[in-house]
Structure formats: structure tokens, C-alpha cells
C-alpha atoms as a PDB file:
ATOM      1  CA  MET A   1     -48.993  -0.894  19.330  1.00  0.00           C
ATOM      2  CA  LYS A   2     -49.632  -3.645  16.680  1.00  0.00           C
ATOM      3  CA  PRO A   3     -46.581  -5.693  15.880  1.00  0.00           C
ATOM      4  CA  LYS A   4     -45.324  -5.507  12.670  1.00  0.00           C
ATOM      5  CA  LYS A   5     -45.786  -8.171   9.961  1.00  0.00           C
ATOM      6  CA  PRO A   6     -42.959 -10.330   9.370  1.00  0.00           C
ATOM      7  CA  LYS A   7     -40.896  -9.634   6.200  1.00  0.00           C
ATOM      8  CA  LEU A   8     -38.782 -12.135   4.730  1.00  0.00           C
ATOM      9  CA  TYR A   9     -35.763 -10.915   2.239  1.00  0.00           C
ATOM     10  CA  GLY A  10     -33.417 -13.230   0.463  1.00  0.00           C
ATOM     11  CA  LEU A  11     -30.554 -14.264  -1.972  1.00  0.00           C
ATOM     12  CA  ILE A  12     -31.278 -16.593  -5.219  1.00  0.00           C
ATOM     13  CA  GLY A  13     -28.067 -18.091  -6.410  1.00  0.00           C
ATOM     14  CA  ARG A  14     -26.226 -21.342  -6.828  1.00  0.00           C
ATOM     15  CA  ASN A  15     -23.556 -22.474  -4.214  1.00  0.00           C
ATOM     16  CA  ILE A  16     -23.999 -19.332  -2.215  1.00  0.00           C
ATOM     17  CA  HIS A  17     -23.063 -20.624   1.088  1.00  0.00           C
ATOM     18  CA  TYR A  18     -20.283 -18.101   1.181  1.00  0.00           C
ATOM     19  CA  SER A  19     -22.490 -15.187   0.524  1.00  0.00           C
ATOM     20  CA  PHE A  20     -21.980 -11.660   1.981  1.00  0.00           C
ATOM     21  CA  SER A  21     -25.723 -10.790   1.866  1.00  0.00           C
ATOM     22  CA  ALA A  22     -27.049 -13.094   4.375  1.00  0.00           C
ATOM     23  CA  SER A  23     -24.783 -11.924   7.255  1.00  0.00           C
ATOM     24  CA  TYR A  24     -24.607  -8.268   6.225  1.00  0.00           C
ATOM     25  CA  PHE A  25     -28.605  -7.930   6.372  1.00  0.00           C
ATOM     26  CA  LYS A  26     -28.858  -9.730   9.653  1.00  0.00           C
ATOM     27  CA  ASN A  27     -26.552  -7.508  11.131  1.00  0.00           C
ATOM     28  CA  LYS A  28     -28.439  -4.683   9.702  1.00  0.00           C
ATOM     29  CA  PHE A  29     -31.592  -5.880  11.136  1.00  0.00           C
ATOM     30  CA  GLU A  30     -30.335  -6.401  14.575  1.00  0.00           C
ATOM     31  CA  LYS A  31     -28.677  -2.974  14.493  1.00  0.00           C
ATOM     32  CA  LEU A  32     -32.032  -1.058  13.686  1.00  0.00           C
ATOM     33  CA  GLY A  33     -34.078  -3.407  15.685  1.00  0.00           C
ATOM     34  CA  LEU A  34     -35.893  -4.658  12.959  1.00  0.00           C
ATOM     35  CA  ILE A  35     -37.121  -8.109  14.538  1.00  0.00           C
ATOM     36  CA  HIS A  36     -39.752  -8.518  11.973  1.00  0.00           C
ATOM     37  CA  CYS A  37     -37.201  -8.758   9.422  1.00  0.00           C
ATOM     38  CA  THR A  38     -35.128 -12.021   8.182  1.00  0.00           C
ATOM     39  CA  TYR A  39     -32.987 -12.806   5.629  1.00  0.00           C
ATOM     40  CA  GLN A  40     -32.452 -16.146   3.843  1.00  0.00           C
ATOM     41  CA  ASN A  41     -30.166 -17.819   1.211  1.00  0.00           C
ATOM     42  CA  PHE A  42     -32.071 -19.669  -1.447  1.00  0.00           C
ATOM     43  CA  ASP A  43     -29.661 -22.072  -3.037  1.00  0.00           C
ATOM     44  CA  ILE A  44     -31.285 -23.186  -6.457  1.00  0.00           C
ATOM     45  CA  GLN A  45     -30.157 -25.335  -8.836  1.00  0.00           C
ATOM     46  CA  ASN A  46     -31.879 -23.644 -11.793  1.00  0.00           C
ATOM     47  CA  ILE A  47     -34.009 -20.692 -12.248  1.00  0.00           C
ATOM     48  CA  GLU A  48     -37.111 -22.150 -12.472  1.00  0.00           C
ATOM     49  CA  GLN A  49     -36.912 -23.150  -9.137  1.00  0.00           C
ATOM     50  CA  LEU A  50     -37.595 -19.537  -7.933  1.00  0.00           C
ATOM     51  CA  LYS A  51     -41.297 -20.001  -8.722  1.00  0.00           C
ATOM     52  CA  GLN A  52     -40.976 -22.678  -5.863  1.00  0.00           C
ATOM     53  CA  VAL A  53     -39.182 -20.461  -3.613  1.00  0.00           C
ATOM     54  CA  LEU A  54     -41.843 -17.592  -4.122  1.00  0.00           C
ATOM     55  CA  SER A  55     -44.884 -20.068  -3.399  1.00  0.00           C
ATOM     56  CA  GLY A  56     -43.444 -21.486  -0.354  1.00  0.00           C
ATOM     57  CA  ASN A  57     -42.487 -18.214   1.232  1.00  0.00           C
ATOM     58  CA  LYS A  58     -45.423 -15.638   0.959  1.00  0.00           C
ATOM     59  CA  LYS A  59     -43.613 -13.390   3.273  1.00  0.00           C
ATOM     60  CA  ILE A  60     -40.787 -12.464   1.017  1.00  0.00           C
ATOM     61  CA  LYS A  61     -40.857  -8.637   0.003  1.00  0.00           C
ATOM     62  CA  GLY A  62     -37.387  -8.338  -1.911  1.00  0.00           C
ATOM     63  CA  LEU A  63     -34.642 -10.489  -3.217  1.00  0.00           C
ATOM     64  CA  ASN A  64     -31.262 -10.029  -4.401  1.00  0.00           C
ATOM     65  CA  VAL A  65     -29.972 -12.240  -7.207  1.00  0.00           C
ATOM     66  CA  THR A  66     -26.269 -13.616  -7.679  1.00  0.00           C
ATOM     67  CA  ILE A  67     -24.441 -15.897 -10.020  1.00  0.00           C
ATOM     68  CA  PRO A  68     -25.296 -17.531 -12.460  1.00  0.00           C
ATOM     69  CA  TYR A  69     -28.945 -16.049 -12.652  1.00  0.00           C
ATOM     70  CA  LYS A  70     -28.540 -12.274 -13.079  1.00  0.00           C
ATOM     71  CA  GLU A  71     -29.551 -12.818 -16.813  1.00  0.00           C
ATOM     72  CA  ASP A  72     -31.608 -15.841 -16.255  1.00  0.00           C
ATOM     73  CA  VAL A  73     -34.113 -14.626 -14.055  1.00  0.00           C
ATOM     74  CA  ILE A  74     -35.306 -11.712 -16.494  1.00  0.00           C
ATOM     75  CA  PRO A  75     -38.065 -13.750 -18.111  1.00  0.00           C
ATOM     76  CA  LEU A  76     -39.826 -14.736 -14.842  1.00  0.00           C
ATOM     77  CA  LEU A  77     -40.271 -11.169 -13.827  1.00  0.00           C
ATOM     78  CA  ASN A  78     -43.159  -9.157 -14.606  1.00  0.00           C
ATOM     79  CA  LYS A  79     -41.441  -5.679 -14.843  1.00  0.00           C
ATOM     80  CA  LEU A  80     -37.799  -4.126 -15.368  1.00  0.00           C
ATOM     81  CA  SER A  81     -36.775  -0.606 -14.225  1.00  0.00           C
ATOM     82  CA  LYS A  82     -35.453   1.127 -17.104  1.00  0.00           C
ATOM     83  CA  THR A  83     -31.770   0.742 -16.225  1.00  0.00           C
ATOM     84  CA  ALA A  84     -32.246  -3.192 -15.700  1.00  0.00           C
ATOM     85  CA  LYS A  85     -33.729  -3.133 -19.026  1.00  0.00           C
ATOM     86  CA  THR A  86     -30.752  -1.138 -20.684  1.00  0.00           C
ATOM     87  CA  ILE A  87     -27.976  -3.336 -18.698  1.00  0.00           C
ATOM     88  CA  GLY A  88     -29.792  -6.630 -19.347  1.00  0.00           C
ATOM     89  CA  ALA A  89     -29.114  -8.114 -15.895  1.00  0.00           C
ATOM     90  CA  VAL A  90     -30.920  -7.989 -12.924  1.00  0.00           C
ATOM     91  CA  ASN A  91     -29.405  -8.439  -9.067  1.00  0.00           C
ATOM     92  CA  THR A  92     -32.363  -6.806  -7.168  1.00  0.00           C
ATOM     93  CA  ILE A  93     -36.050  -7.909  -7.053  1.00  0.00           C
ATOM     94  CA  ALA A  94     -38.799  -6.003  -5.308  1.00  0.00           C
ATOM     95  CA  ILE A  95     -42.251  -7.908  -4.850  1.00  0.00           C
ATOM     96  CA  SER A  96     -45.257  -5.869  -4.439  1.00  0.00           C
ATOM     97  CA  LYS A  97     -48.352  -6.777  -2.121  1.00  0.00           C
ATOM     98  CA  LYS A  98     -50.057  -8.312  -5.367  1.00  0.00           C
ATOM     99  CA  GLY A  99     -47.057 -10.292  -5.877  1.00  0.00           C
ATOM    100  CA  ILE A 100     -45.618  -8.160  -8.976  1.00  0.00           C
ATOM    101  CA  LEU A 101     -41.954  -9.113  -9.445  1.00  0.00           C
ATOM    102  CA  LYS A 102     -39.888  -6.047 -10.431  1.00  0.00           C
ATOM    103  CA  GLY A 103     -36.142  -6.249 -11.564  1.00  0.00           C
ATOM    104  CA  TYR A 104     -33.491  -3.729 -10.799  1.00  0.00           C
ATOM    105  CA  ASN A 105     -29.843  -3.526 -11.111  1.00  0.00           C
ATOM    106  CA  THR A 106     -28.044  -2.017  -8.187  1.00  0.00           C
ATOM    107  CA  ASP A 107     -24.422  -3.453  -9.083  1.00  0.00           C
ATOM    108  CA  HIS A 108     -23.878  -0.644 -11.612  1.00  0.00           C
ATOM    109  CA  TYR A 109     -24.512   1.862  -8.592  1.00  0.00           C
ATOM    110  CA  GLY A 110     -21.967  -0.006  -6.157  1.00  0.00           C
ATOM    111  CA  PHE A 111     -19.468  -0.445  -8.895  1.00  0.00           C
ATOM    112  CA  ARG A 112     -19.417   3.211  -9.935  1.00  0.00           C
ATOM    113  CA  LYS A 113     -19.490   4.805  -6.470  1.00  0.00           C
ATOM    114  CA  SER A 114     -16.454   2.375  -5.265  1.00  0.00           C
ATOM    115  CA  LEU A 115     -14.525   3.042  -8.278  1.00  0.00           C
ATOM    116  CA  LYS A 116     -15.019   6.773  -8.687  1.00  0.00           C
ATOM    117  CA  PRO A 117     -12.709   7.713  -5.757  1.00  0.00           C
ATOM    118  CA  LEU A 118      -9.790   5.589  -7.287  1.00  0.00           C
ATOM    119  CA  LEU A 119      -9.722   7.484 -10.964  1.00  0.00           C
ATOM    120  CA  LYS A 120      -7.283   9.815 -12.148  1.00  0.00           C
ATOM    121  CA  PRO A 121      -7.040  11.676 -15.383  1.00  0.00           C
ATOM    122  CA  HIS A 122      -5.153   9.245 -17.217  1.00  0.00           C
ATOM    123  CA  HIS A 123      -7.606   6.312 -16.424  1.00  0.00           C
ATOM    124  CA  LYS A 124      -9.410   6.885 -19.866  1.00  0.00           C
ATOM    125  CA  LYS A 125      -9.897   3.197 -20.898  1.00  0.00           C
ATOM    126  CA  ALA A 126     -10.938   0.011 -19.072  1.00  0.00           C
ATOM    127  CA  LEU A 127     -10.671  -3.899 -19.907  1.00  0.00           C
ATOM    128  CA  ILE A 128     -13.442  -5.984 -18.482  1.00  0.00           C
ATOM    129  CA  LEU A 129     -12.582  -9.452 -17.907  1.00  0.00           C
ATOM    130  CA  GLY A 130     -15.678 -11.780 -18.405  1.00  0.00           C
ATOM    131  CA  THR A 131     -18.971 -11.192 -20.156  1.00  0.00           C
ATOM    132  CA  GLY A 132     -21.679 -12.506 -17.832  1.00  0.00           C
ATOM    133  CA  GLY A 133     -24.188 -10.333 -15.910  1.00  0.00           C
ATOM    134  CA  ALA A 134     -22.012  -8.488 -13.445  1.00  0.00           C
ATOM    135  CA  SER A 135     -19.910  -7.457 -16.553  1.00  0.00           C
ATOM    136  CA  LYS A 136     -22.912  -5.779 -18.155  1.00  0.00           C
ATOM    137  CA  ALA A 137     -23.367  -3.814 -14.726  1.00  0.00           C
ATOM    138  CA  VAL A 138     -19.724  -2.721 -14.902  1.00  0.00           C
ATOM    139  CA  ALA A 139     -20.064  -1.663 -18.600  1.00  0.00           C
ATOM    140  CA  TYR A 140     -23.195   0.585 -17.789  1.00  0.00           C
ATOM    141  CA  ALA A 141     -21.264   2.231 -14.853  1.00  0.00           C
ATOM    142  CA  LEU A 142     -18.259   3.059 -17.064  1.00  0.00           C
ATOM    143  CA  ARG A 143     -20.430   4.504 -19.616  1.00  0.00           C
ATOM    144  CA  ARG A 144     -21.887   6.837 -17.142  1.00  0.00           C
ATOM    145  CA  LEU A 145     -18.170   7.630 -15.924  1.00  0.00           C
ATOM    146  CA  LYS A 146     -17.521   8.457 -19.742  1.00  0.00           C
ATOM    147  CA  ILE A 147     -14.684   5.700 -19.516  1.00  0.00           C
ATOM    148  CA  GLU A 148     -14.226   3.426 -22.759  1.00  0.00           C
ATOM    149  CA  TYR A 149     -14.121  -0.242 -22.235  1.00  0.00           C
ATOM    150  CA  ASP A 150     -13.684  -3.588 -24.087  1.00  0.00           C
ATOM    151  CA  PHE A 151     -14.460  -7.074 -23.061  1.00  0.00           C
ATOM    152  CA  VAL A 152     -12.122  -9.795 -22.442  1.00  0.00           C
ATOM    153  CA  SER A 153     -13.106 -13.350 -22.738  1.00  0.00           C
ATOM    154  CA  ARG A 154     -11.401 -16.882 -23.473  1.00  0.00           C
ATOM    155  CA  THR A 155     -12.243 -16.726 -27.045  1.00  0.00           C
ATOM    156  CA  ALA A 156     -11.605 -13.497 -29.198  1.00  0.00           C
ATOM    157  CA  THR A 157     -14.478 -12.487 -31.350  1.00  0.00           C
ATOM    158  CA  GLU A 158     -14.492  -9.108 -33.587  1.00  0.00           C
ATOM    159  CA  SER A 159     -15.726  -7.302 -30.591  1.00  0.00           C
ATOM    160  CA  ILE A 160     -13.738  -9.192 -27.674  1.00  0.00           C
ATOM    161  CA  PHE A 161     -10.296  -9.527 -26.741  1.00  0.00           C
ATOM    162  CA  SER A 162      -9.161 -13.002 -25.890  1.00  0.00           C
ATOM    163  CA  TYR A 163      -6.686 -13.239 -22.831  1.00  0.00           C
ATOM    164  CA  SER A 164      -3.853 -14.238 -25.221  1.00  0.00           C
ATOM    165  CA  GLN A 165      -4.206 -10.937 -27.114  1.00  0.00           C
ATOM    166  CA  LEU A 166      -3.399  -8.866 -24.025  1.00  0.00           C
ATOM    167  CA  LYS A 167       0.132  -7.629 -24.809  1.00  0.00           C
ATOM    168  CA  SER A 168       1.960  -4.640 -23.726  1.00  0.00           C
ATOM    169  CA  ASP A 169       0.507  -2.319 -26.345  1.00  0.00           C
ATOM    170  CA  ILE A 170      -2.967  -3.020 -24.977  1.00  0.00           C
ATOM    171  CA  PHE A 171      -2.024  -2.869 -21.112  1.00  0.00           C
ATOM    172  CA  GLU A 172      -0.352   0.706 -22.040  1.00  0.00           C
ATOM    173  CA  GLU A 173      -3.900   1.889 -23.440  1.00  0.00           C
ATOM    174  CA  TYR A 174      -6.125   0.237 -20.903  1.00  0.00           C
ATOM    175  CA  THR A 175      -5.286   1.374 -17.302  1.00  0.00           C
ATOM    176  CA  ILE A 176      -7.991  -0.134 -15.546  1.00  0.00           C
ATOM    177  CA  ILE A 177      -8.697  -3.975 -15.364  1.00  0.00           C
ATOM    178  CA  ILE A 178     -11.890  -5.312 -13.801  1.00  0.00           C
ATOM    179  CA  ASN A 179     -12.402  -8.735 -12.948  1.00  0.00           C
ATOM    180  CA  THR A 180     -15.969  -9.964 -13.170  1.00  0.00           C
ATOM    181  CA  THR A 181     -15.530 -13.499 -13.404  1.00  0.00           C
ATOM    182  CA  PRO A 182     -15.574 -15.605 -10.234  1.00  0.00           C
ATOM    183  CA  LEU A 183     -12.002 -16.752 -10.770  1.00  0.00           C
ATOM    184  CA  GLY A 184     -10.176 -16.625  -7.508  1.00  0.00           C
ATOM    185  CA  THR A 185     -13.343 -16.873  -5.026  1.00  0.00           C
ATOM    186  CA  ASN A 186     -12.923 -19.071  -1.905  1.00  0.00           C
ATOM    187  CA  PRO A 187     -12.198 -21.886  -1.763  1.00  0.00           C
ATOM    188  CA  ASP A 188     -10.414 -21.828  -5.155  1.00  0.00           C
ATOM    189  CA  THR A 189      -8.328 -18.780  -4.095  1.00  0.00           C
ATOM    190  CA  GLU A 190      -5.314 -19.691  -6.092  1.00  0.00           C
ATOM    191  CA  ASN A 191      -6.875 -19.125  -9.373  1.00  0.00           C
ATOM    192  CA  CYS A 192      -6.984 -15.921 -11.217  1.00  0.00           C
ATOM    193  CA  PRO A 193      -7.680 -14.480 -14.554  1.00  0.00           C
ATOM    194  CA  PRO A 194      -5.017 -15.812 -17.183  1.00  0.00           C
ATOM    195  CA  LEU A 195      -2.953 -12.346 -17.570  1.00  0.00           C
ATOM    196  CA  ASP A 196       0.549 -11.498 -18.088  1.00  0.00           C
ATOM    197  CA  TYR A 197       0.685  -9.683 -14.715  1.00  0.00           C
ATOM    198  CA  SER A 198       4.197  -8.357 -15.227  1.00  0.00           C
ATOM    199  CA  LEU A 199       2.355  -5.730 -17.482  1.00  0.00           C
ATOM    200  CA  PHE A 200       0.604  -4.054 -14.709  1.00  0.00           C
ATOM    201  CA  THR A 201       2.262  -0.895 -13.715  1.00  0.00           C
ATOM    202  CA  PRO A 202       1.602   1.937 -11.055  1.00  0.00           C
ATOM    203  CA  GLN A 203      -0.480   3.633 -13.648  1.00  0.00           C
ATOM    204  CA  HIS A 204      -2.972   0.940 -13.568  1.00  0.00           C
ATOM    205  CA  ILE A 205      -6.213  -0.221 -11.384  1.00  0.00           C
ATOM    206  CA  ALA A 206      -6.794  -3.521 -10.618  1.00  0.00           C
ATOM    207  CA  TYR A 207     -10.324  -3.987  -9.536  1.00  0.00           C
ATOM    208  CA  ASP A 208     -11.559  -7.369  -8.554  1.00  0.00           C
ATOM    209  CA  LEU A 209     -15.256  -7.858  -7.983  1.00  0.00           C
ATOM    210  CA  VAL A 210     -14.598 -11.104  -5.863  1.00  0.00           C
ATOM    211  CA  TYR A 211     -14.636  -9.974  -2.129  1.00  0.00           C
ATOM    212  CA  ASN A 212     -13.812 -13.548  -0.534  1.00  0.00           C
ATOM    213  CA  PRO A 213     -10.813 -13.687   0.152  1.00  0.00           C
ATOM    214  CA  GLN A 214     -10.481 -10.050   0.726  1.00  0.00           C
ATOM    215  CA  ASN A 215      -7.020 -10.006  -1.200  1.00  0.00           C
ATOM    216  CA  THR A 216      -7.379 -12.117  -3.967  1.00  0.00           C
ATOM    217  CA  THR A 217      -4.590 -13.486  -6.419  1.00  0.00           C
ATOM    218  CA  PHE A 218      -5.136 -11.269  -8.870  1.00  0.00           C
ATOM    219  CA  MET A 219      -5.035  -8.458  -6.546  1.00  0.00           C
ATOM    220  CA  GLN A 220      -1.857  -9.677  -4.938  1.00  0.00           C
ATOM    221  CA  LYS A 221       0.076 -10.188  -8.380  1.00  0.00           C
ATOM    222  CA  ALA A 222      -1.150  -6.560  -9.724  1.00  0.00           C
ATOM    223  CA  ALA A 223      -0.131  -4.956  -6.414  1.00  0.00           C
ATOM    224  CA  GLN A 224       3.492  -6.539  -6.707  1.00  0.00           C
ATOM    225  CA  GLN A 225       3.820  -4.566 -10.116  1.00  0.00           C
ATOM    226  CA  GLY A 226       2.685  -1.362  -8.117  1.00  0.00           C
ATOM    227  CA  ALA A 227      -0.965  -1.269  -9.270  1.00  0.00           C
ATOM    228  CA  THR A 228      -3.727   0.325  -7.100  1.00  0.00           C
ATOM    229  CA  VAL A 229      -6.072  -2.652  -6.038  1.00  0.00           C
ATOM    230  CA  LYS A 230      -9.681  -2.872  -4.814  1.00  0.00           C
ATOM    231  CA  ASN A 231     -11.928  -5.976  -3.820  1.00  0.00           C
ATOM    232  CA  GLY A 232     -15.626  -5.854  -4.432  1.00  0.00           C
ATOM    233  CA  TYR A 233     -16.643  -5.471  -0.746  1.00  0.00           C
ATOM    234  CA  ASP A 234     -17.436  -1.716  -0.847  1.00  0.00           C
ATOM    235  CA  MET A 235     -19.422  -2.403  -4.109  1.00  0.00           C
ATOM    236  CA  LEU A 236     -21.347  -4.991  -2.316  1.00  0.00           C
ATOM    237  CA  VAL A 237     -22.172  -2.683   0.524  1.00  0.00           C
ATOM    238  CA  LEU A 238     -23.528   0.213  -1.573  1.00  0.00           C
ATOM    239  CA  GLN A 239     -25.511  -2.074  -4.032  1.00  0.00           C
ATOM    240  CA  ALA A 240     -26.954  -3.718  -0.744  1.00  0.00           C
ATOM    241  CA  GLU A 241     -27.879  -0.566   0.921  1.00  0.00           C
ATOM    242  CA  LYS A 242     -29.573   0.767  -2.886  1.00  0.00           C
ATOM    243  CA  ALA A 243     -31.594  -2.539  -2.737  1.00  0.00           C
ATOM    244  CA  TRP A 244     -32.674  -1.891   0.803  1.00  0.00           C
ATOM    245  CA  ARG A 245     -33.966   1.587  -0.427  1.00  0.00           C
ATOM    246  CA  ILE A 246     -35.933   0.105  -3.381  1.00  0.00           C
ATOM    247  CA  TRP A 247     -37.593  -2.618  -1.286  1.00  0.00           C
ATOM    248  CA  ASN A 248     -38.561   0.102   1.290  1.00  0.00           C
ATOM    249  CA  SER A 249     -39.618   2.782  -1.075  1.00  0.00           C
ATOM    250  CA  LYS A 250     -43.235   3.618  -0.905  1.00  0.00           C
END
């Protein structure tokens, strides 16, 4: 039996030594006996360096994309899935034999599937903390779940709340609070979004896309008020498995 051709997969991002993906896929390949598959982090300082990564690694079949390149990568791709185009952010790239780069978004799938078991009838509105690429996938998932949402940023606009505007009346109305910012990520674990955490109640879900540490300061402070809390680990596993299916679809 002819040995299988080596396949390389990887993650592009900045300061990604902490990343979940490399260890997750390494373990996956070992479990499945896929000795021809390897996974590598490509820590790049600007998105233009993706071209060098691709030209220097002809065995690459698929890439994951993380902060801060989920939006910046789009102009470098040949094609986008309908969902990625709608969301306006890419976290998965499939590379064809001819070198065609097609962007997908699996974040929305991972988020939706991991949030759904927590939802109760009163969870009708959500606040999305942050406005980056991950927030767009979260917004798309919430639309699929028929949950209304608004964005929160440091500076208010006509369509975005500022953190200082989040008073008790807002918290009563919005019972799902989702942190899509990197605030609180290891090693800066003491950090958290600048909220009045006393406004959380047992009616609230506090969902943090950060997964390292497992119990973020955002989650700890919300849990102290009785909120249901969840980190981003399950979302990551779900989106990674979806990416794997995309890379291996015929």
C-alpha cells in the first residue's frame, strides 16, 4: 500500500503560542493514526506574510485563522463561502490542489451549538462585547437563533452601546452577555471587560469566548451574582471539527 502524501495544516495569527489548535489537532492526528498529517502555528506580524507562509509550505491543505486576521485575510482569498461572505470574517481556509484559497467561517457554528443548551425562554436579547471578527460570527449565530442583539464598544455610536451606558435597565433587558474581546486571556488574566458586574443576576448567561484561563475574571465576577457562565472551549472544539470536515470534503 502506497504511503499517503504528507499533509500540513496550520494556524495563522499574531502571538499565538498559547493556541488551542496546535495541541488539539496533534492529539487528533495521533488518535486517528494520521501519521502523514501535521499541524503548525504560523505566527505572523501582518497578514501580507501569509503569502510567504504559503509559498514556503507547499504541503498546506488547510488553515485556521485567529486574532487579528479574521477580517484582514479576506482580500487575499480567491473565494468565500456564502456564510463567510455574509458574516464578513473568516476563520478557516481550504486550499485546493490548484492552490485556490477558499474562506469559510466555522466560528458561528461552534458558538451557536455551544450556546443553545443554555438558553431558556427569557433569553431573548444579547449584548456582544467587542466589534472584531469574532463578534460578527456571534451576531450571525444569534440571528440564526432568533435572538436580538446589540454591540458594545468603548465608544458609543448611533448603533453601538458604550460600556458606560450599560446600566440596570439595559441589563434587565439583555440577559445574555457575550465577551468576544481578548480581555482576560492568559497571561493578562486579571483583566476583564469594564462592566458593573453587580448587575448580573441568576437570569443572565455570561459567555466568554476566551478559553485560557478556563475560568476568566469575567466569568468569575458574573458567577458571583448567580449568572450561568461558559467559556469558549466547547465552541473551539466544535469549530475545529467543522473545519476538519471542510478540509476533508471531496
